[in-house]
Amino acid sequence: MEKNMIEMTGLCKYFMLTSGVFKKKTQYVKAVDDVTLHIREGEIVGLVGESGSGKTTLARVILKLTRPDKSTVFIDGKDVFKANRRELMEIRRSIAVVFQDPASNLNPRETVESSIMRPMLIHGVRRSDAKERAREAFRKVKLDESYLARYPHQLSGGQQQRIAIARALVLRPKIMVLDEPTSALDISVQAQVLNLLLDLQEELKLTYLVITHDLNVIRYISDKIAVMYLGRLVEYGETDQVFNAPHHPYTKGLMAAAPILDPTERGKPHFAISGEPDSLINLSPGCRLVKRCPFVTDACRSAMPPMREFERNQFAACILDQIPEYAEGT
């Protein structure tokens, strides 16, 4: 039975805001609020949601760049926030991250080889072994070893992203967190990088958490999808299930907002959610979507609907048993 590689239950991260000089007023931004998520070994999970939904904050907590206010994160069975120095070093080696803009994460004054070797040298790998691993990683990302002597500005965006992936692989991680890995690339290069990630995942049995706004990328690469809205996880399930039969109005609206690739489907009525996201400060006790949902009821306003299973392994936080095909006025 496959084990959980990333595990969190009821995770919360609030940011405190204070205003006033003599009589201070304290408010909280609930960036991540009661999130439960388990990612199993070898899975590719896509984390989606509009800007401000809490995706990046959740990733920062997983990487121990931000400490949660409630609960904790387990990486490969180890509590990230209670780990001792030796355990933390093991966790750091087992999880790698690829950022959105590869150019900003490669030192312009160092050669590609130096940039790739640095994390290994920090973790105590001998320089000769680090050189060999750098070449091995280059072969995995299908780049010629001649690029090792170049500087970042001498490379294209796609080559820089491949180098960022190679650098993430050199410590032989079990988990990779990919934050908008293709958003800065041309569409043709995006396909190459996505295919590369899929090949590496299959070859090395990696676990991926992919954070992106691009729903077409998520549909292509992910096994499961987790949908966030205003700090809460509102739907989670198999990729095809969530895309074809979403059970939360926000998910349905999000999927409908994606560009329509089939010309025959353009111009037809589609589901839509109007309005802007609410503020994360002083949120009401009810569902996060009450001000935008066309199907809101008094029950939605009074309490946050719990996550419940609609189909096998598909969960959503909504009181509706089925979402109407179109909302009034769409």
C-alpha atoms as a PDB file:
ATOM      1  CA  MET A   1       0.000   0.000   0.000  1.00  0.00           C
ATOM      2  CA  GLU A   2       1.389   3.393  -0.998  1.00  0.00           C
ATOM      3  CA  LYS A   3       2.231   5.743   1.857  1.00  0.00           C
ATOM      4  CA  ASN A   4       1.515   9.450   2.269  1.00  0.00           C
ATOM      5  CA  MET A   5       4.475  11.588   1.204  1.00  0.00           C
ATOM      6  CA  ILE A   6       2.837  14.917   2.158  1.00  0.00           C
ATOM      7  CA  GLU A   7       0.256  14.963   4.916  1.00  0.00           C
ATOM      8  CA  MET A   8      -1.539  17.767   6.749  1.00  0.00           C
ATOM      9  CA  THR A   9      -4.754  17.823   8.788  1.00  0.00           C
ATOM     10  CA  GLY A  10      -6.566  21.028   9.765  1.00  0.00           C
ATOM     11  CA  LEU A  11      -3.602  23.216   8.804  1.00  0.00           C
ATOM     12  CA  CYS A  12      -3.971  26.952   9.486  1.00  0.00           C
ATOM     13  CA  LYS A  13      -1.767  29.949   8.768  1.00  0.00           C
ATOM     14  CA  TYR A  14      -2.993  33.409   9.817  1.00  0.00           C
ATOM     15  CA  PHE A  15      -1.183  36.714   9.396  1.00  0.00           C
ATOM     16  CA  MET A  16      -1.796  39.329  12.072  1.00  0.00           C
ATOM     17  CA  LEU A  17      -2.511  42.954  11.118  1.00  0.00           C
ATOM     18  CA  THR A  18      -2.447  45.786  13.659  1.00  0.00           C
ATOM     19  CA  SER A  19      -3.660  49.343  13.160  1.00  0.00           C
ATOM     20  CA  GLY A  20      -3.870  52.415  15.366  1.00  0.00           C
ATOM     21  CA  VAL A  21      -1.291  54.121  17.600  1.00  0.00           C
ATOM     22  CA  PHE A  22      -2.771  54.320  21.106  1.00  0.00           C
ATOM     23  CA  LYS A  23      -5.656  51.887  20.780  1.00  0.00           C
ATOM     24  CA  LYS A  24      -4.397  49.127  18.564  1.00  0.00           C
ATOM     25  CA  LYS A  25      -6.841  47.008  16.601  1.00  0.00           C
ATOM     26  CA  THR A  26      -5.815  43.491  15.680  1.00  0.00           C
ATOM     27  CA  GLN A  27      -7.151  41.645  12.655  1.00  0.00           C
ATOM     28  CA  TYR A  28      -6.157  38.385  10.992  1.00  0.00           C
ATOM     29  CA  VAL A  29      -5.682  37.397   7.367  1.00  0.00           C
ATOM     30  CA  LYS A  30      -6.674  33.736   7.130  1.00  0.00           C
ATOM     31  CA  ALA A  31      -4.341  32.798   4.282  1.00  0.00           C
ATOM     32  CA  VAL A  32      -4.672  29.044   4.928  1.00  0.00           C
ATOM     33  CA  ASP A  33      -7.640  27.928   7.018  1.00  0.00           C
ATOM     34  CA  ASP A  34      -8.299  24.347   8.123  1.00  0.00           C
ATOM     35  CA  VAL A  35      -6.723  22.601   5.117  1.00  0.00           C
ATOM     36  CA  THR A  36      -6.535  18.806   5.111  1.00  0.00           C
ATOM     37  CA  LEU A  37      -4.569  17.259   2.262  1.00  0.00           C
ATOM     38  CA  HIS A  38      -2.829  13.903   1.822  1.00  0.00           C
ATOM     39  CA  ILE A  39      -0.596  13.264  -1.202  1.00  0.00           C
ATOM     40  CA  ARG A  40       0.401   9.663  -1.726  1.00  0.00           C
ATOM     41  CA  GLU A  41       3.689   8.320  -3.032  1.00  0.00           C
ATOM     42  CA  GLY A  42       3.995   8.645  -6.815  1.00  0.00           C
ATOM     43  CA  GLU A  43       0.975  10.955  -7.217  1.00  0.00           C
ATOM     44  CA  ILE A  44       0.882  14.186  -9.188  1.00  0.00           C
ATOM     45  CA  VAL A  45      -1.479  16.613  -7.455  1.00  0.00           C
ATOM     46  CA  GLY A  46      -2.374  19.947  -9.022  1.00  0.00           C
ATOM     47  CA  LEU A  47      -3.186  22.839  -6.678  1.00  0.00           C
ATOM     48  CA  VAL A  48      -5.366  25.456  -8.400  1.00  0.00           C
ATOM     49  CA  GLY A  49      -7.278  28.596  -7.514  1.00  0.00           C
ATOM     50  CA  GLU A  50      -7.254  32.282  -8.376  1.00  0.00           C
ATOM     51  CA  SER A  51      -4.719  34.746  -6.973  1.00  0.00           C
ATOM     52  CA  GLY A  52      -5.056  35.172  -3.223  1.00  0.00           C
ATOM     53  CA  SER A  53      -6.511  31.718  -2.628  1.00  0.00           C
ATOM     54  CA  GLY A  54      -3.571  30.623  -0.447  1.00  0.00           C
ATOM     55  CA  LYS A  55      -1.706  28.270  -2.809  1.00  0.00           C
ATOM     56  CA  THR A  56       1.732  29.827  -2.376  1.00  0.00           C
ATOM     57  CA  THR A  57       1.321  30.221   1.393  1.00  0.00           C
ATOM     58  CA  LEU A  58       0.449  26.536   1.646  1.00  0.00           C
ATOM     59  CA  ALA A  59       3.566  25.656  -0.385  1.00  0.00           C
ATOM     60  CA  ARG A  60       5.716  27.847   1.877  1.00  0.00           C
ATOM     61  CA  VAL A  61       4.406  26.009   4.937  1.00  0.00           C
ATOM     62  CA  ILE A  62       5.169  22.635   3.320  1.00  0.00           C
ATOM     63  CA  LEU A  63       8.736  23.824   2.599  1.00  0.00           C
ATOM     64  CA  LYS A  64       9.084  25.165   6.173  1.00  0.00           C
ATOM     65  CA  LEU A  65       9.552  28.719   4.918  1.00  0.00           C
ATOM     66  CA  THR A  66       6.524  29.744   7.013  1.00  0.00           C
ATOM     67  CA  ARG A  67       5.422  28.279  10.347  1.00  0.00           C
ATOM     68  CA  PRO A  68       1.731  27.328  10.669  1.00  0.00           C
ATOM     69  CA  ASP A  69      -0.459  28.628  13.489  1.00  0.00           C
ATOM     70  CA  LYS A  70      -2.272  25.325  13.888  1.00  0.00           C
ATOM     71  CA  SER A  71      -1.406  21.704  13.082  1.00  0.00           C
ATOM     72  CA  THR A  72       1.738  20.609  11.231  1.00  0.00           C
ATOM     73  CA  VAL A  73       3.057  19.025   8.034  1.00  0.00           C
ATOM     74  CA  PHE A  74       4.452  15.505   7.669  1.00  0.00           C
ATOM     75  CA  ILE A  75       6.943  14.821   4.865  1.00  0.00           C
ATOM     76  CA  ASP A  76       7.510  11.095   4.285  1.00  0.00           C
ATOM     77  CA  GLY A  77       6.201  10.423   7.796  1.00  0.00           C
ATOM     78  CA  LYS A  78       8.413  13.026   9.541  1.00  0.00           C
ATOM     79  CA  ASP A  79       6.998  16.082  11.328  1.00  0.00           C
ATOM     80  CA  VAL A  80       8.665  19.029   9.580  1.00  0.00           C
ATOM     81  CA  PHE A  81       8.264  21.414  12.513  1.00  0.00           C
ATOM     82  CA  LYS A  82       9.430  19.004  15.243  1.00  0.00           C
ATOM     83  CA  ALA A  83      12.366  17.506  13.360  1.00  0.00           C
ATOM     84  CA  ASN A  84      15.829  17.758  14.867  1.00  0.00           C
ATOM     85  CA  ARG A  85      18.801  19.007  12.845  1.00  0.00           C
ATOM     86  CA  ARG A  86      19.663  15.598  11.368  1.00  0.00           C
ATOM     87  CA  GLU A  87      16.042  14.800  10.503  1.00  0.00           C
ATOM     88  CA  LEU A  88      15.578  18.238   8.972  1.00  0.00           C
ATOM     89  CA  MET A  89      18.596  17.696   6.718  1.00  0.00           C
ATOM     90  CA  GLU A  90      17.005  14.438   5.522  1.00  0.00           C
ATOM     91  CA  ILE A  91      13.711  16.214   4.863  1.00  0.00           C
ATOM     92  CA  ARG A  92      15.504  18.964   2.940  1.00  0.00           C
ATOM     93  CA  ARG A  93      17.169  16.356   0.749  1.00  0.00           C
ATOM     94  CA  SER A  94      13.892  14.530   0.106  1.00  0.00           C
ATOM     95  CA  ILE A  95      11.950  17.570  -1.143  1.00  0.00           C
ATOM     96  CA  ALA A  96      12.932  19.894  -3.995  1.00  0.00           C
ATOM     97  CA  VAL A  97      11.302  22.981  -5.461  1.00  0.00           C
ATOM     98  CA  VAL A  98      11.196  24.468  -8.963  1.00  0.00           C
ATOM     99  CA  PHE A  99      10.182  28.130  -9.064  1.00  0.00           C
ATOM    100  CA  GLN A 100       8.190  30.137 -11.576  1.00  0.00           C
ATOM    101  CA  ASP A 101      11.010  32.197 -13.104  1.00  0.00           C
ATOM    102  CA  PRO A 102      14.195  30.145 -13.600  1.00  0.00           C
ATOM    103  CA  ALA A 103      16.256  33.187 -14.619  1.00  0.00           C
ATOM    104  CA  SER A 104      15.768  34.852 -11.228  1.00  0.00           C
ATOM    105  CA  ASN A 105      16.841  31.674  -9.388  1.00  0.00           C
ATOM    106  CA  LEU A 106      20.128  31.094 -11.202  1.00  0.00           C
ATOM    107  CA  ASN A 107      23.127  33.156 -10.106  1.00  0.00           C
ATOM    108  CA  PRO A 108      24.136  35.264 -13.144  1.00  0.00           C
ATOM    109  CA  ARG A 109      27.770  35.297 -11.930  1.00  0.00           C
ATOM    110  CA  GLU A 110      28.066  31.511 -11.710  1.00  0.00           C
ATOM    111  CA  THR A 111      28.280  28.964 -14.460  1.00  0.00           C
ATOM    112  CA  VAL A 112      25.462  26.465 -14.806  1.00  0.00           C
ATOM    113  CA  GLU A 113      27.708  23.753 -13.358  1.00  0.00           C
ATOM    114  CA  SER A 114      28.424  25.828 -10.227  1.00  0.00           C
ATOM    115  CA  SER A 115      24.714  26.545  -9.719  1.00  0.00           C
ATOM    116  CA  ILE A 116      23.838  22.852  -9.958  1.00  0.00           C
ATOM    117  CA  MET A 117      26.705  21.745  -7.703  1.00  0.00           C
ATOM    118  CA  ARG A 118      26.018  24.261  -4.924  1.00  0.00           C
ATOM    119  CA  PRO A 119      23.144  22.415  -3.170  1.00  0.00           C
ATOM    120  CA  MET A 120      25.188  19.195  -3.189  1.00  0.00           C
ATOM    121  CA  LEU A 121      28.243  20.901  -1.680  1.00  0.00           C
ATOM    122  CA  ILE A 122      26.030  22.441   1.029  1.00  0.00           C
ATOM    123  CA  HIS A 123      24.799  18.942   1.905  1.00  0.00           C
ATOM    124  CA  GLY A 124      28.339  17.576   2.136  1.00  0.00           C
ATOM    125  CA  VAL A 125      28.669  15.793  -1.203  1.00  0.00           C
ATOM    126  CA  ARG A 126      32.283  15.583  -2.370  1.00  0.00           C
ATOM    127  CA  ARG A 127      33.134  17.911  -5.263  1.00  0.00           C
ATOM    128  CA  SER A 128      34.098  15.056  -7.595  1.00  0.00           C
ATOM    129  CA  ASP A 129      30.816  13.271  -6.871  1.00  0.00           C
ATOM    130  CA  ALA A 130      28.923  16.543  -7.285  1.00  0.00           C
ATOM    131  CA  LYS A 131      30.433  17.029 -10.746  1.00  0.00           C
ATOM    132  CA  GLU A 132      29.383  13.535 -11.799  1.00  0.00           C
ATOM    133  CA  ARG A 133      25.842  14.012 -10.421  1.00  0.00           C
ATOM    134  CA  ALA A 134      25.552  17.332 -12.305  1.00  0.00           C
ATOM    135  CA  ARG A 135      26.353  15.542 -15.561  1.00  0.00           C
ATOM    136  CA  GLU A 136      23.951  12.737 -14.706  1.00  0.00           C
ATOM    137  CA  ALA A 137      21.156  15.286 -14.047  1.00  0.00           C
ATOM    138  CA  PHE A 138      21.934  16.994 -17.355  1.00  0.00           C
ATOM    139  CA  ARG A 139      21.479  13.722 -19.194  1.00  0.00           C
ATOM    140  CA  LYS A 140      18.124  13.188 -17.464  1.00  0.00           C
ATOM    141  CA  VAL A 141      16.819  16.599 -18.587  1.00  0.00           C
ATOM    142  CA  LYS A 142      18.151  15.972 -22.117  1.00  0.00           C
ATOM    143  CA  LEU A 143      20.703  18.797 -22.251  1.00  0.00           C
ATOM    144  CA  ASP A 144      24.193  18.591 -23.729  1.00  0.00           C
ATOM    145  CA  GLU A 145      27.009  18.739 -21.171  1.00  0.00           C
ATOM    146  CA  SER A 146      28.553  21.679 -23.032  1.00  0.00           C
ATOM    147  CA  TYR A 147      25.886  23.887 -21.396  1.00  0.00           C
ATOM    148  CA  LEU A 148      27.509  23.291 -17.984  1.00  0.00           C
ATOM    149  CA  ALA A 149      30.202  25.871 -18.788  1.00  0.00           C
ATOM    150  CA  ARG A 150      27.721  28.565 -19.830  1.00  0.00           C
ATOM    151  CA  TYR A 151      26.089  31.362 -17.838  1.00  0.00           C
ATOM    152  CA  PRO A 152      22.305  31.754 -17.419  1.00  0.00           C
ATOM    153  CA  HIS A 153      22.038  34.736 -19.796  1.00  0.00           C
ATOM    154  CA  GLN A 154      23.431  32.573 -22.611  1.00  0.00           C
ATOM    155  CA  LEU A 155      20.468  30.197 -22.425  1.00  0.00           C
ATOM    156  CA  SER A 156      16.854  30.286 -23.558  1.00  0.00           C
ATOM    157  CA  GLY A 157      13.910  30.181 -21.125  1.00  0.00           C
ATOM    158  CA  GLY A 158      13.273  26.514 -21.798  1.00  0.00           C
ATOM    159  CA  GLN A 159      16.939  25.640 -21.243  1.00  0.00           C
ATOM    160  CA  GLN A 160      16.975  27.626 -17.991  1.00  0.00           C
ATOM    161  CA  GLN A 161      13.908  25.758 -16.748  1.00  0.00           C
ATOM    162  CA  ARG A 162      15.509  22.415 -17.612  1.00  0.00           C
ATOM    163  CA  ILE A 163      18.578  23.483 -15.640  1.00  0.00           C
ATOM    164  CA  ALA A 164      16.368  24.433 -12.683  1.00  0.00           C
ATOM    165  CA  ILE A 165      14.819  20.962 -12.846  1.00  0.00           C
ATOM    166  CA  ALA A 166      18.283  19.374 -13.068  1.00  0.00           C
ATOM    167  CA  ARG A 167      19.377  21.307  -9.981  1.00  0.00           C
ATOM    168  CA  ALA A 168      16.279  20.061  -8.138  1.00  0.00           C
ATOM    169  CA  LEU A 169      17.105  16.458  -9.065  1.00  0.00           C
ATOM    170  CA  VAL A 170      20.760  16.326  -7.976  1.00  0.00           C
ATOM    171  CA  LEU A 171      19.962  15.589  -4.312  1.00  0.00           C
ATOM    172  CA  ARG A 172      17.751  12.715  -5.491  1.00  0.00           C
ATOM    173  CA  PRO A 173      14.522  13.935  -3.889  1.00  0.00           C
ATOM    174  CA  LYS A 174      11.325  11.954  -3.401  1.00  0.00           C
ATOM    175  CA  ILE A 175       9.040  15.000  -3.695  1.00  0.00           C
ATOM    176  CA  MET A 176       9.049  18.027  -5.994  1.00  0.00           C
ATOM    177  CA  VAL A 177       7.033  21.203  -5.466  1.00  0.00           C
ATOM    178  CA  LEU A 178       6.566  22.933  -8.830  1.00  0.00           C
ATOM    179  CA  ASP A 179       5.360  26.535  -8.549  1.00  0.00           C
ATOM    180  CA  GLU A 180       4.078  27.700 -11.967  1.00  0.00           C
ATOM    181  CA  PRO A 181       6.793  25.661 -13.728  1.00  0.00           C
ATOM    182  CA  THR A 182       5.740  26.650 -17.274  1.00  0.00           C
ATOM    183  CA  SER A 183       4.116  30.088 -16.947  1.00  0.00           C
ATOM    184  CA  ALA A 184       7.199  31.982 -18.174  1.00  0.00           C
ATOM    185  CA  LEU A 185       7.693  29.752 -21.230  1.00  0.00           C
ATOM    186  CA  ASP A 186       6.437  29.790 -24.804  1.00  0.00           C
ATOM    187  CA  ILE A 187       3.608  27.370 -25.512  1.00  0.00           C
ATOM    188  CA  SER A 188       5.818  24.992 -27.548  1.00  0.00           C
ATOM    189  CA  VAL A 189       8.463  24.945 -24.807  1.00  0.00           C
ATOM    190  CA  GLN A 190       5.764  24.358 -22.174  1.00  0.00           C
ATOM    191  CA  ALA A 191       4.865  21.060 -23.814  1.00  0.00           C
ATOM    192  CA  GLN A 192       8.517  19.967 -23.837  1.00  0.00           C
ATOM    193  CA  VAL A 193       8.971  20.788 -20.136  1.00  0.00           C
ATOM    194  CA  LEU A 194       5.705  19.077 -19.150  1.00  0.00           C
ATOM    195  CA  ASN A 195       6.656  15.931 -21.064  1.00  0.00           C
ATOM    196  CA  LEU A 196      10.063  16.023 -19.400  1.00  0.00           C
ATOM    197  CA  LEU A 197       8.460  16.270 -15.946  1.00  0.00           C
ATOM    198  CA  LEU A 198       6.172  13.326 -16.711  1.00  0.00           C
ATOM    199  CA  ASP A 199       9.095  11.211 -17.949  1.00  0.00           C
ATOM    200  CA  LEU A 200      11.144  12.018 -14.830  1.00  0.00           C
ATOM    201  CA  GLN A 201       8.217  11.298 -12.534  1.00  0.00           C
ATOM    202  CA  GLU A 202       7.707   7.878 -14.102  1.00  0.00           C
ATOM    203  CA  GLU A 203      11.410   7.020 -14.187  1.00  0.00           C
ATOM    204  CA  LEU A 204      12.271   8.180 -10.649  1.00  0.00           C
ATOM    205  CA  LYS A 205       8.880   7.476  -8.996  1.00  0.00           C
ATOM    206  CA  LEU A 206       8.629  11.082  -7.808  1.00  0.00           C
ATOM    207  CA  THR A 207       5.700  12.738  -6.040  1.00  0.00           C
ATOM    208  CA  TYR A 208       4.677  16.127  -7.484  1.00  0.00           C
ATOM    209  CA  LEU A 209       2.723  19.043  -6.065  1.00  0.00           C
ATOM    210  CA  VAL A 210       2.080  21.348  -9.044  1.00  0.00           C
ATOM    211  CA  ILE A 211       0.856  24.894  -8.352  1.00  0.00           C
ATOM    212  CA  THR A 212      -0.482  26.787 -11.351  1.00  0.00           C
ATOM    213  CA  HIS A 213      -3.242  28.993 -12.751  1.00  0.00           C
ATOM    214  CA  ASP A 214      -3.168  27.160 -16.065  1.00  0.00           C
ATOM    215  CA  LEU A 215      -5.969  24.584 -15.964  1.00  0.00           C
ATOM    216  CA  ASN A 216      -4.871  23.027 -19.251  1.00  0.00           C
ATOM    217  CA  VAL A 217      -1.458  22.283 -17.698  1.00  0.00           C
ATOM    218  CA  ILE A 218      -3.119  20.735 -14.647  1.00  0.00           C
ATOM    219  CA  ARG A 219      -5.414  18.583 -16.778  1.00  0.00           C
ATOM    220  CA  TYR A 220      -2.470  17.332 -18.815  1.00  0.00           C
ATOM    221  CA  ILE A 221      -0.085  16.486 -15.988  1.00  0.00           C
ATOM    222  CA  SER A 222      -2.076  15.781 -12.798  1.00  0.00           C
ATOM    223  CA  ASP A 223      -3.588  12.620 -11.330  1.00  0.00           C
ATOM    224  CA  LYS A 224      -5.642  14.604  -8.810  1.00  0.00           C
ATOM    225  CA  ILE A 225      -6.731  18.226  -8.377  1.00  0.00           C
ATOM    226  CA  ALA A 226      -7.065  20.254  -5.181  1.00  0.00           C
ATOM    227  CA  VAL A 227      -9.062  23.499  -5.560  1.00  0.00           C
ATOM    228  CA  MET A 228      -8.496  26.358  -3.092  1.00  0.00           C
ATOM    229  CA  TYR A 229     -10.598  29.457  -2.563  1.00  0.00           C
ATOM    230  CA  LEU A 230      -9.887  32.163   0.038  1.00  0.00           C
ATOM    231  CA  GLY A 231      -7.687  29.919   2.142  1.00  0.00           C
ATOM    232  CA  ARG A 232      -9.968  26.878   2.143  1.00  0.00           C
ATOM    233  CA  LEU A 233      -9.836  23.642   0.206  1.00  0.00           C
ATOM    234  CA  VAL A 234     -13.230  23.479  -1.536  1.00  0.00           C
ATOM    235  CA  GLU A 235     -12.837  20.409  -3.770  1.00  0.00           C
ATOM    236  CA  TYR A 236     -10.454  17.492  -4.198  1.00  0.00           C
ATOM    237  CA  GLY A 237     -10.562  14.475  -6.462  1.00  0.00           C
ATOM    238  CA  GLU A 238      -9.383  12.635  -9.553  1.00  0.00           C
ATOM    239  CA  THR A 239      -8.542  14.979 -12.431  1.00  0.00           C
ATOM    240  CA  ASP A 240     -11.172  13.682 -14.861  1.00  0.00           C
ATOM    241  CA  GLN A 241     -13.854  13.655 -12.162  1.00  0.00           C
ATOM    242  CA  VAL A 242     -13.218  17.252 -11.097  1.00  0.00           C
ATOM    243  CA  PHE A 243     -13.021  18.567 -14.671  1.00  0.00           C
ATOM    244  CA  ASN A 244     -16.017  16.674 -16.031  1.00  0.00           C
ATOM    245  CA  ALA A 245     -18.330  16.713 -12.996  1.00  0.00           C
ATOM    246  CA  PRO A 246     -17.319  19.310 -10.367  1.00  0.00           C
ATOM    247  CA  HIS A 247     -19.394  19.368  -7.185  1.00  0.00           C
ATOM    248  CA  HIS A 248     -18.572  22.869  -5.925  1.00  0.00           C
ATOM    249  CA  PRO A 249     -19.894  25.992  -7.702  1.00  0.00           C
ATOM    250  CA  TYR A 250     -16.489  27.670  -7.486  1.00  0.00           C
ATOM    251  CA  THR A 251     -14.802  24.702  -9.164  1.00  0.00           C
ATOM    252  CA  LYS A 252     -17.434  24.679 -11.900  1.00  0.00           C
ATOM    253  CA  GLY A 253     -16.965  28.407 -12.485  1.00  0.00           C
ATOM    254  CA  LEU A 254     -13.188  28.038 -12.488  1.00  0.00           C
ATOM    255  CA  MET A 255     -13.298  25.262 -15.067  1.00  0.00           C
ATOM    256  CA  ALA A 256     -15.731  27.242 -17.233  1.00  0.00           C
ATOM    257  CA  ALA A 257     -13.352  30.239 -17.158  1.00  0.00           C
ATOM    258  CA  ALA A 258     -10.555  28.278 -18.834  1.00  0.00           C
ATOM    259  CA  PRO A 259      -9.947  29.088 -22.531  1.00  0.00           C
ATOM    260  CA  ILE A 260     -12.116  26.913 -24.780  1.00  0.00           C
ATOM    261  CA  LEU A 261      -9.858  24.979 -27.150  1.00  0.00           C
ATOM    262  CA  ASP A 262     -12.675  23.409 -29.185  1.00  0.00           C
ATOM    263  CA  PRO A 263     -13.957  25.998 -31.726  1.00  0.00           C
ATOM    264  CA  THR A 264     -17.350  24.282 -31.935  1.00  0.00           C
ATOM    265  CA  GLU A 265     -17.952  24.960 -28.218  1.00  0.00           C
ATOM    266  CA  ARG A 266     -17.257  28.693 -28.363  1.00  0.00           C
ATOM    267  CA  GLY A 267     -20.223  31.019 -28.073  1.00  0.00           C
ATOM    268  CA  LYS A 268     -22.397  28.490 -26.245  1.00  0.00           C
ATOM    269  CA  PRO A 269     -23.878  29.365 -22.817  1.00  0.00           C
ATOM    270  CA  HIS A 270     -21.626  28.387 -19.954  1.00  0.00           C
ATOM    271  CA  PHE A 271     -21.617  28.485 -16.174  1.00  0.00           C
ATOM    272  CA  ALA A 272     -20.124  31.652 -14.671  1.00  0.00           C
ATOM    273  CA  ILE A 273     -19.518  33.169 -11.237  1.00  0.00           C
ATOM    274  CA  SER A 274     -19.798  36.956 -11.063  1.00  0.00           C
ATOM    275  CA  GLY A 275     -18.207  39.403  -8.645  1.00  0.00           C
ATOM    276  CA  GLU A 276     -14.833  39.612  -6.958  1.00  0.00           C
ATOM    277  CA  PRO A 277     -13.356  37.451  -4.169  1.00  0.00           C
ATOM    278  CA  ASP A 278     -14.144  38.603  -0.632  1.00  0.00           C
ATOM    279  CA  SER A 279     -11.473  40.007   1.690  1.00  0.00           C
ATOM    280  CA  LEU A 280      -9.541  37.511   3.807  1.00  0.00           C
ATOM    281  CA  ILE A 281      -9.929  39.829   6.819  1.00  0.00           C
ATOM    282  CA  ASN A 282     -12.860  39.230   9.177  1.00  0.00           C
ATOM    283  CA  LEU A 283     -14.454  36.537   7.072  1.00  0.00           C
ATOM    284  CA  SER A 284     -18.009  35.483   7.821  1.00  0.00           C
ATOM    285  CA  PRO A 285     -18.549  32.072   9.471  1.00  0.00           C
ATOM    286  CA  GLY A 286     -20.303  30.669   6.413  1.00  0.00           C
ATOM    287  CA  CYS A 287     -19.122  29.429   3.046  1.00  0.00           C
ATOM    288  CA  ARG A 288     -16.377  31.538   1.476  1.00  0.00           C
ATOM    289  CA  LEU A 289     -18.394  31.826  -1.752  1.00  0.00           C
ATOM    290  CA  VAL A 290     -21.625  33.265  -0.307  1.00  0.00           C
ATOM    291  CA  LYS A 291     -21.216  36.682  -2.000  1.00  0.00           C
ATOM    292  CA  ARG A 292     -20.636  35.157  -5.452  1.00  0.00           C
ATOM    293  CA  CYS A 293     -22.580  31.901  -5.499  1.00  0.00           C
ATOM    294  CA  PRO A 294     -25.908  31.992  -7.402  1.00  0.00           C
ATOM    295  CA  PHE A 295     -27.277  29.126  -5.291  1.00  0.00           C
ATOM    296  CA  VAL A 296     -26.585  30.509  -1.810  1.00  0.00           C
ATOM    297  CA  THR A 297     -28.978  29.621   1.041  1.00  0.00           C
ATOM    298  CA  ASP A 298     -29.298  30.638   4.696  1.00  0.00           C
ATOM    299  CA  ALA A 299     -27.467  27.434   5.648  1.00  0.00           C
ATOM    300  CA  CYS A 300     -24.497  28.535   3.542  1.00  0.00           C
ATOM    301  CA  ARG A 301     -24.320  31.856   5.396  1.00  0.00           C
ATOM    302  CA  SER A 302     -24.490  30.395   8.892  1.00  0.00           C
ATOM    303  CA  ALA A 303     -21.738  27.747   8.773  1.00  0.00           C
ATOM    304  CA  MET A 304     -18.926  26.532   6.541  1.00  0.00           C
ATOM    305  CA  PRO A 305     -20.090  23.342   4.775  1.00  0.00           C
ATOM    306  CA  PRO A 306     -17.809  20.400   5.648  1.00  0.00           C
ATOM    307  CA  MET A 307     -15.946  18.420   3.020  1.00  0.00           C
ATOM    308  CA  ARG A 308     -17.993  15.379   2.034  1.00  0.00           C
ATOM    309  CA  GLU A 309     -17.571  12.591  -0.478  1.00  0.00           C
ATOM    310  CA  PHE A 310     -19.813  12.895  -3.557  1.00  0.00           C
ATOM    311  CA  GLU A 311     -18.225  10.239  -5.738  1.00  0.00           C
ATOM    312  CA  ARG A 312     -15.522   7.742  -4.938  1.00  0.00           C
ATOM    313  CA  ASN A 313     -12.442   9.770  -3.888  1.00  0.00           C
ATOM    314  CA  GLN A 314     -14.075  13.077  -4.893  1.00  0.00           C
ATOM    315  CA  PHE A 315     -14.782  15.507  -2.058  1.00  0.00           C
ATOM    316  CA  ALA A 316     -16.311  18.991  -2.004  1.00  0.00           C
ATOM    317  CA  ALA A 317     -17.395  21.516   0.628  1.00  0.00           C
ATOM    318  CA  CYS A 318     -20.919  22.256  -0.615  1.00  0.00           C
ATOM    319  CA  ILE A 319     -24.460  21.529   0.621  1.00  0.00           C
ATOM    320  CA  LEU A 320     -25.784  21.053  -2.931  1.00  0.00           C
ATOM    321  CA  ASP A 321     -26.108  17.467  -4.080  1.00  0.00           C
ATOM    322  CA  GLN A 322     -25.871  18.575  -7.704  1.00  0.00           C
ATOM    323  CA  ILE A 323     -24.997  21.896  -9.328  1.00  0.00           C
ATOM    324  CA  PRO A 324     -27.456  23.149 -11.995  1.00  0.00           C
ATOM    325  CA  GLU A 325     -25.982  23.291 -15.490  1.00  0.00           C
ATOM    326  CA  TYR A 326     -26.330  27.076 -15.737  1.00  0.00           C
ATOM    327  CA  ALA A 327     -26.857  29.778 -13.174  1.00  0.00           C
ATOM    328  CA  GLU A 328     -29.502  32.436 -13.735  1.00  0.00           C
ATOM    329  CA  GLY A 329     -28.228  35.175 -16.002  1.00  0.00           C
ATOM    330  CA  THR A 330     -25.341  33.161 -17.533  1.00  0.00           C
END
